[in-house]
Protein backbone atom coordinates (compact mmCIF):
# COMPACT_ATOMS: atom_id res chain seq x y z
CA MET A 1 92.69 48.25 172.42
CA ALA A 2 95.13 47.21 169.71
CA THR A 3 93.21 46.36 166.53
CA ASN A 4 95.70 44.59 164.32
CA VAL A 5 94.63 43.91 160.74
CA LYS A 6 96.77 42.19 158.12
CA ILE A 7 96.22 43.83 154.75
CA SER A 8 97.41 42.58 151.38
CA THR A 9 97.43 44.85 148.36
CA ILE A 10 98.07 43.59 144.84
CA GLY A 11 99.06 46.17 142.23
CA ALA A 12 99.05 43.67 139.38
CA ARG A 13 99.04 44.72 135.76
CA ALA A 14 95.91 43.89 133.79
CA ALA A 15 95.65 40.46 132.19
CA GLY A 16 97.11 40.39 128.70
CA GLY A 17 95.73 38.98 125.47
CA LYS A 18 92.49 39.31 123.56
CA PRO A 19 90.44 36.16 124.06
CA GLU A 20 87.03 35.75 122.47
CA PRO A 21 84.49 37.20 124.92
CA GLY A 22 83.07 33.83 126.01
CA GLN A 23 83.89 31.21 128.62
CA ALA A 24 87.56 31.09 127.64
CA ALA A 25 87.90 34.77 128.55
CA VAL A 26 86.22 34.20 131.90
CA ASP A 27 88.30 31.13 132.68
CA GLY A 28 91.49 32.94 131.68
CA MET A 29 90.70 35.85 133.98
CA ILE A 30 89.99 33.54 136.89
CA GLU A 31 93.34 31.83 136.33
CA HIS A 32 95.02 35.24 136.18
CA TRP A 33 93.64 36.13 139.60
CA ARG A 34 94.23 32.67 141.01
CA GLY A 35 97.93 33.31 140.41
CA ARG A 36 97.82 36.78 141.89
CA PHE A 37 95.96 35.69 145.04
CA ALA A 38 98.42 32.82 145.50
CA GLN A 39 101.12 35.44 146.13
CA VAL A 40 99.45 36.80 149.29
CA LEU A 41 97.26 34.02 150.69
CA PRO A 42 100.20 32.40 152.54
CA ASP A 43 100.32 35.60 154.64
CA GLU A 44 96.78 34.85 155.89
CA PRO A 45 95.49 38.39 155.32
CA ASP A 46 92.34 39.82 156.83
CA LEU A 47 91.73 41.97 153.75
CA ILE A 48 92.84 41.79 150.12
CA VAL A 49 92.65 44.84 147.85
CA VAL A 50 93.09 44.69 144.06
CA PRO A 51 93.03 47.35 141.30
CA GLU A 52 90.13 49.06 139.56
CA CYS A 53 88.38 47.12 136.75
CA CYS A 54 90.38 44.11 137.87
CA ASP A 55 88.79 41.67 135.40
CA ARG A 56 88.99 43.79 132.25
CA TYR A 57 90.95 42.83 129.15
CA PRO A 58 92.49 46.11 127.88
CA GLU A 59 92.79 44.79 124.33
CA HIS A 60 89.05 44.24 123.95
CA SER A 61 87.15 46.84 121.95
CA LYS A 62 84.27 48.59 123.70
CA ALA A 63 81.76 46.24 122.07
CA GLU A 64 83.83 43.15 122.87
CA ARG A 65 84.26 44.33 126.46
CA GLN A 66 80.55 44.74 127.02
CA GLU A 67 79.85 41.37 125.42
CA TYR A 68 82.45 39.84 127.74
CA TYR A 69 81.00 41.60 130.79
CA ARG A 70 77.52 40.33 129.98
CA PHE A 71 78.71 36.77 129.44
CA ARG A 72 80.90 36.96 132.56
CA ASP A 73 77.92 38.08 134.65
CA ARG A 74 78.69 36.96 138.25
CA GLN A 75 81.17 34.19 137.47
CA ILE A 76 84.30 36.10 138.47
CA ALA A 77 82.50 37.67 141.41
CA GLY A 78 81.70 34.11 142.47
CA TYR A 79 85.37 33.19 142.28
CA PHE A 80 86.38 36.21 144.42
CA SER A 81 83.64 35.24 146.87
CA SER A 82 85.09 31.73 147.12
CA VAL A 83 88.56 33.16 147.86
CA ALA A 84 87.07 35.16 150.72
CA ARG A 85 85.10 32.18 152.07
CA ASP A 86 87.87 29.59 151.71
CA ASN A 87 90.46 31.82 153.37
CA GLY A 88 88.31 33.57 155.97
CA CYS A 89 89.21 37.06 154.75
CA TYR A 90 87.58 40.14 153.25
CA VAL A 91 88.17 40.53 149.49
CA THR A 92 87.49 43.51 147.25
CA TYR A 93 86.13 42.97 143.75
CA PRO A 94 86.45 46.17 141.69
CA ALA A 95 84.65 45.67 138.38
CA VAL A 96 82.30 47.27 135.88
CA ARG A 97 78.76 45.91 136.17
CA GLU A 98 75.55 46.32 134.23
CA MET A 99 72.42 47.54 136.00
CA PRO A 100 68.86 46.33 135.30
CA ASP A 101 68.14 49.49 133.27
CA GLY A 102 71.06 48.79 130.91
CA SER A 103 73.35 51.47 132.34
CA TRP A 104 76.69 50.60 133.92
CA ARG A 105 78.62 51.32 137.13
CA ASN A 106 82.31 51.24 137.98
CA SER A 107 82.12 49.57 141.38
CA VAL A 108 83.91 47.97 144.29
CA GLU A 109 82.11 45.02 145.83
CA LEU A 110 83.29 43.79 149.22
CA PHE A 111 82.99 40.15 150.24
CA ASP A 112 83.08 39.23 153.92
CA ARG A 113 84.91 36.33 155.56
CA ASP A 114 82.03 33.99 154.69
CA GLY A 115 82.10 35.02 151.04
CA GLU A 116 78.87 37.01 151.36
CA SER A 117 78.55 40.30 149.51
CA MET A 118 78.51 43.32 151.83
CA GLY A 119 77.38 45.60 149.01
CA PHE A 120 78.85 48.00 146.48
CA TYR A 121 80.53 51.37 146.27
CA ASN A 122 79.95 53.03 142.89
CA LYS A 123 82.63 55.41 141.62
CA ASN A 124 81.31 58.91 142.36
CA TYR A 125 83.46 60.89 139.95
CA VAL A 126 83.72 59.00 136.69
CA VAL A 127 85.99 60.23 133.93
CA ILE A 128 83.71 61.90 131.36
CA VAL A 129 84.43 59.33 128.64
CA GLU A 130 83.40 56.52 130.97
CA THR A 131 79.86 57.85 130.51
CA THR A 132 80.00 59.13 126.95
CA GLU A 133 81.74 56.06 125.54
CA ALA A 134 80.82 53.23 127.93
CA GLY A 135 77.54 54.27 129.55
CA ILE A 136 78.99 54.25 133.09
CA LEU A 137 77.02 56.56 135.38
CA ALA A 138 78.40 58.32 138.45
CA GLY A 139 77.53 56.98 141.88
CA ARG A 140 75.85 59.19 144.47
CA GLN A 141 76.66 57.51 147.79
CA THR A 142 79.69 56.84 149.99
CA PRO A 143 78.67 53.80 152.06
CA LEU A 144 80.75 52.51 154.94
CA PHE A 145 81.20 48.76 155.27
CA GLU A 146 81.10 47.44 158.83
CA CYS A 147 83.85 44.82 159.09
CA ASP A 148 84.82 42.95 162.24
CA PHE A 149 87.97 45.10 162.55
CA GLY A 150 86.33 48.48 161.83
CA THR A 151 84.65 50.54 159.14
CA VAL A 152 85.83 50.65 155.52
CA GLY A 153 85.16 53.31 152.88
CA CYS A 154 86.07 53.24 149.19
CA ALA A 155 87.27 55.58 146.48
CA ILE A 156 88.10 54.67 142.88
CA CYS A 157 90.70 56.29 140.64
CA PHE A 158 89.46 59.76 139.53
CA ASP A 159 87.57 60.14 142.84
CA LEU A 160 90.83 61.11 144.52
CA ASN A 161 90.76 64.52 142.80
CA PHE A 162 87.53 65.77 144.33
CA ASP A 163 86.88 67.38 147.69
CA GLY A 164 83.21 66.42 147.74
CA ILE A 165 83.82 62.74 148.40
CA ARG A 166 86.92 63.38 150.52
CA GLN A 167 84.97 65.68 152.83
CA GLU A 168 82.23 63.07 153.21
CA TYR A 169 84.80 60.60 154.50
CA ALA A 170 86.42 63.27 156.68
CA GLU A 171 83.01 63.57 158.37
CA SER A 172 82.01 59.88 158.48
CA ARG A 173 85.48 58.79 159.65
CA PRO A 174 86.07 55.26 158.36
CA ASP A 175 88.94 53.41 160.01
CA LEU A 176 90.24 52.45 156.58
CA ILE A 177 89.78 53.64 152.99
CA VAL A 178 90.53 51.33 150.06
CA PHE A 179 91.56 52.86 146.74
CA PRO A 180 91.50 50.56 143.70
CA SER A 181 92.74 52.51 140.72
CA MET A 182 94.36 52.81 137.30
CA TYR A 183 95.68 56.24 138.36
CA HIS A 184 98.26 56.69 141.09
CA GLY A 185 97.17 59.99 142.59
CA GLY A 186 100.60 61.16 143.74
CA LEU A 187 100.44 63.64 146.62
CA MET A 188 96.68 63.13 146.90
CA GLN A 189 97.21 59.75 148.56
CA PRO A 190 98.86 61.03 151.78
CA TYR A 191 96.62 64.10 151.71
CA TRP A 192 93.51 61.90 151.78
CA ALA A 193 94.90 59.71 154.55
CA TYR A 194 95.77 62.74 156.70
CA THR A 195 92.63 64.79 156.12
CA CYS A 196 90.33 61.78 156.58
CA ARG A 197 92.35 60.62 159.65
CA ALA A 198 92.21 57.12 158.19
CA HIS A 199 94.54 54.40 157.02
CA LEU A 200 94.54 54.27 153.22
CA VAL A 201 95.24 51.17 151.14
CA THR A 202 95.90 51.66 147.44
CA ALA A 203 95.92 49.01 144.71
CA VAL A 204 97.07 50.66 141.50
CA CYS A 205 97.30 48.70 138.27
CA GLY A 206 100.98 48.29 137.35
CA LEU A 207 102.15 51.07 139.70
CA PRO A 208 103.34 51.25 143.32
CA SER A 209 100.60 50.27 145.75
CA VAL A 210 100.89 51.28 149.39
CA ILE A 211 99.43 51.17 152.87
CA LEU A 212 99.44 54.64 154.46
CA SER A 213 98.94 55.72 158.06
CA PRO A 214 96.51 58.51 159.06
CA THR A 215 99.47 60.91 159.04
CA GLY A 216 100.26 60.00 155.44
CA VAL A 217 103.27 57.82 156.20
CA SER A 218 103.93 54.81 153.97
CA LEU A 219 103.81 51.67 156.11
CA ALA A 220 104.32 49.17 153.28
CA THR A 221 104.68 49.37 149.53
CA THR A 222 104.97 47.17 146.47
CA THR A 223 108.20 47.49 144.50
CA ASN A 224 109.55 47.20 140.98
CA TYR A 225 110.25 43.53 141.77
CA PHE A 226 107.07 42.54 143.62
CA ASP A 227 103.60 43.85 142.73
CA PHE A 228 102.14 42.69 146.04
CA VAL A 229 102.77 43.34 149.72
CA SER A 230 101.20 42.27 153.03
CA SER A 231 101.51 44.19 156.28
CA THR A 232 99.82 44.33 159.66
CA VAL A 233 98.44 47.71 160.73
CA ASN A 234 96.91 48.76 164.02
CA LEU A 235 93.69 50.71 163.55
CA ASP A 236 93.38 51.76 167.22
CA CYS A 237 94.96 55.20 166.81
CA GLN A 238 94.38 58.92 167.17
CA VAL A 239 95.91 61.98 165.47
CA ALA A 240 96.95 64.78 167.83
CA HIS A 241 98.67 68.12 167.18
CA LEU A 242 101.77 68.83 169.21
CA ASP A 243 100.58 72.25 170.41
CA PHE A 244 99.59 72.16 174.10
CA ASN A 245 100.12 68.37 174.18
CA TRP A 246 103.84 68.02 174.87
CA GLU A 247 103.41 67.37 178.59
CA GLY A 248 100.48 65.00 178.07
CA LEU A 249 102.36 63.01 175.45
CA ARG A 250 105.37 62.67 177.75
CA GLY A 251 103.15 61.49 180.58
CA LEU A 252 101.38 59.05 178.30
CA LYS A 253 104.65 57.45 177.20
CA GLU A 254 106.03 57.35 180.74
CA LYS A 255 102.96 55.49 182.02
CA TYR A 256 102.29 53.07 179.15
CA GLY A 257 105.78 52.53 177.74
CA SER A 258 105.74 50.01 174.90
CA ALA A 259 101.94 49.73 175.16
CA VAL A 260 101.68 53.01 173.29
CA ARG A 261 103.36 54.28 170.12
CA ILE A 262 103.74 57.97 169.36
CA ASP A 263 104.83 58.26 165.73
CA ASP A 264 106.03 61.61 164.39
CA PRO A 265 106.06 61.92 160.58
CA GLY A 266 108.08 65.12 160.82
CA TYR A 267 107.27 68.68 159.67
CA LEU A 268 103.54 68.18 160.18
CA ALA A 269 103.39 69.07 163.90
CA SER A 270 100.94 66.20 164.32
CA VAL A 271 101.63 62.72 165.69
CA LEU A 272 99.87 59.38 165.56
CA VAL A 273 99.08 57.88 168.97
CA THR A 274 98.52 54.12 168.70
CA SER A 275 97.51 51.76 171.49
CA GLU A 276 99.41 48.47 171.61
CA SER A 277 97.64 47.60 174.85
CA LYS A 278 95.22 44.68 175.21
CA LYS A 279 93.27 46.56 177.85
CA VAL A 280 93.29 50.29 177.11
CA SER A 281 92.25 51.95 173.86
CA SER A 282 94.01 54.90 172.27
CA GLY A 283 90.91 56.99 172.93
CA GLU A 284 91.05 56.17 176.63
CA MET A 285 94.76 56.94 176.70
CA VAL A 286 94.45 60.43 175.22
CA ASP A 287 91.47 61.20 177.43
CA GLU A 288 93.38 60.13 180.53
CA PHE A 289 96.14 62.64 179.80
CA GLY A 290 93.95 65.42 178.43
CA ILE A 291 95.54 65.21 174.99
CA GLU A 292 93.61 67.36 172.54
CA LEU A 293 93.00 65.66 169.21
CA LEU A 294 93.88 67.43 165.97
CA ASP A 295 90.27 67.98 164.90
CA ASP A 296 89.34 69.47 168.26
CA TYR A 297 92.34 71.79 168.14
CA MET A 298 91.49 72.94 164.61
CA ALA A 299 87.85 73.52 165.61
CA ARG A 300 89.02 75.55 168.60
CA SER A 301 91.32 77.59 166.35
CA ILE A 302 88.47 78.32 163.93
CA ALA A 303 86.22 79.38 166.81
CA HIS A 304 89.01 81.64 168.09
CA ARG A 305 89.24 83.39 164.73
CA GLN A 306 85.46 83.77 164.44
CA ASP A 307 85.31 85.61 167.77
CA ALA A 308 85.25 89.28 166.79
CA ARG A 309 87.54 90.15 169.69
CA ASN A 310 90.35 88.11 168.12
CA ALA A 311 90.20 89.41 164.55
CA GLU A 312 90.96 92.70 162.87
CA PRO A 313 88.00 95.04 162.37
CA GLU A 314 85.72 94.56 159.39
CA PRO A 315 86.83 96.75 156.46
CA VAL A 316 84.96 99.99 156.05
CA VAL A 317 83.29 100.21 152.65
């Protein structure tokens, strides 16, 4: 059935200035984010996504930054938690954090609607200097967070360049992937959305931040005038190739009318089937009309090629 989720992304630039790394720096950062959150909270979002290292002062030296992080401890995390609790929404908190052994991680923490921490995703593919200059170690896991609207995965910045993590999400199939970043990613953004068959929400510091459909289509974006945007997306959807499905798709639309959307991004030969029904899910709809999903079609095509009867003879050495 229709699973509508209102998502807010904030592509705010980093806080300016170089405060002393004590309470004034912490208080200033909280005020910075109080102003940013105030831009989207009137929309009553279900989820708020903000950029990588969201509470970092760029003008701090490495030593000043680590001193600030240690003094900050969980104070800013506590503020983000209170935003989640007071507004009944999920909130991401991307930040660098120190571990008990003195090493560091570049993480995303997710707070639930009660302000409770659901855990952390640690950036899997850190930029080399993050380790050599700041002691940040690469994460090893790609956890999925079970939210009341579906499952959420995370990727941070440089992660978007690597197939290892992308393939893990292509297999685990989150409903939504959040991407806090300092780096935009360009064509990798729609590629990830399409190959993971997931909605993708980006929050890029000072650059366009978007909400993408599982066919890589931009559903909402920040602009040069506004560094925030809120939009409602429907996560009850399936990606199907057009081959062998034309008749089934016509029948589906004829029966369900406005209770189903069939969105064609063009040139891809795949469409997004979304249920707007309160009674029937998109999975039930495609099953009813025998519509083959994209992954099943690709698997069938691979199996066809691997059958020796359908391929040219092995070369003679």
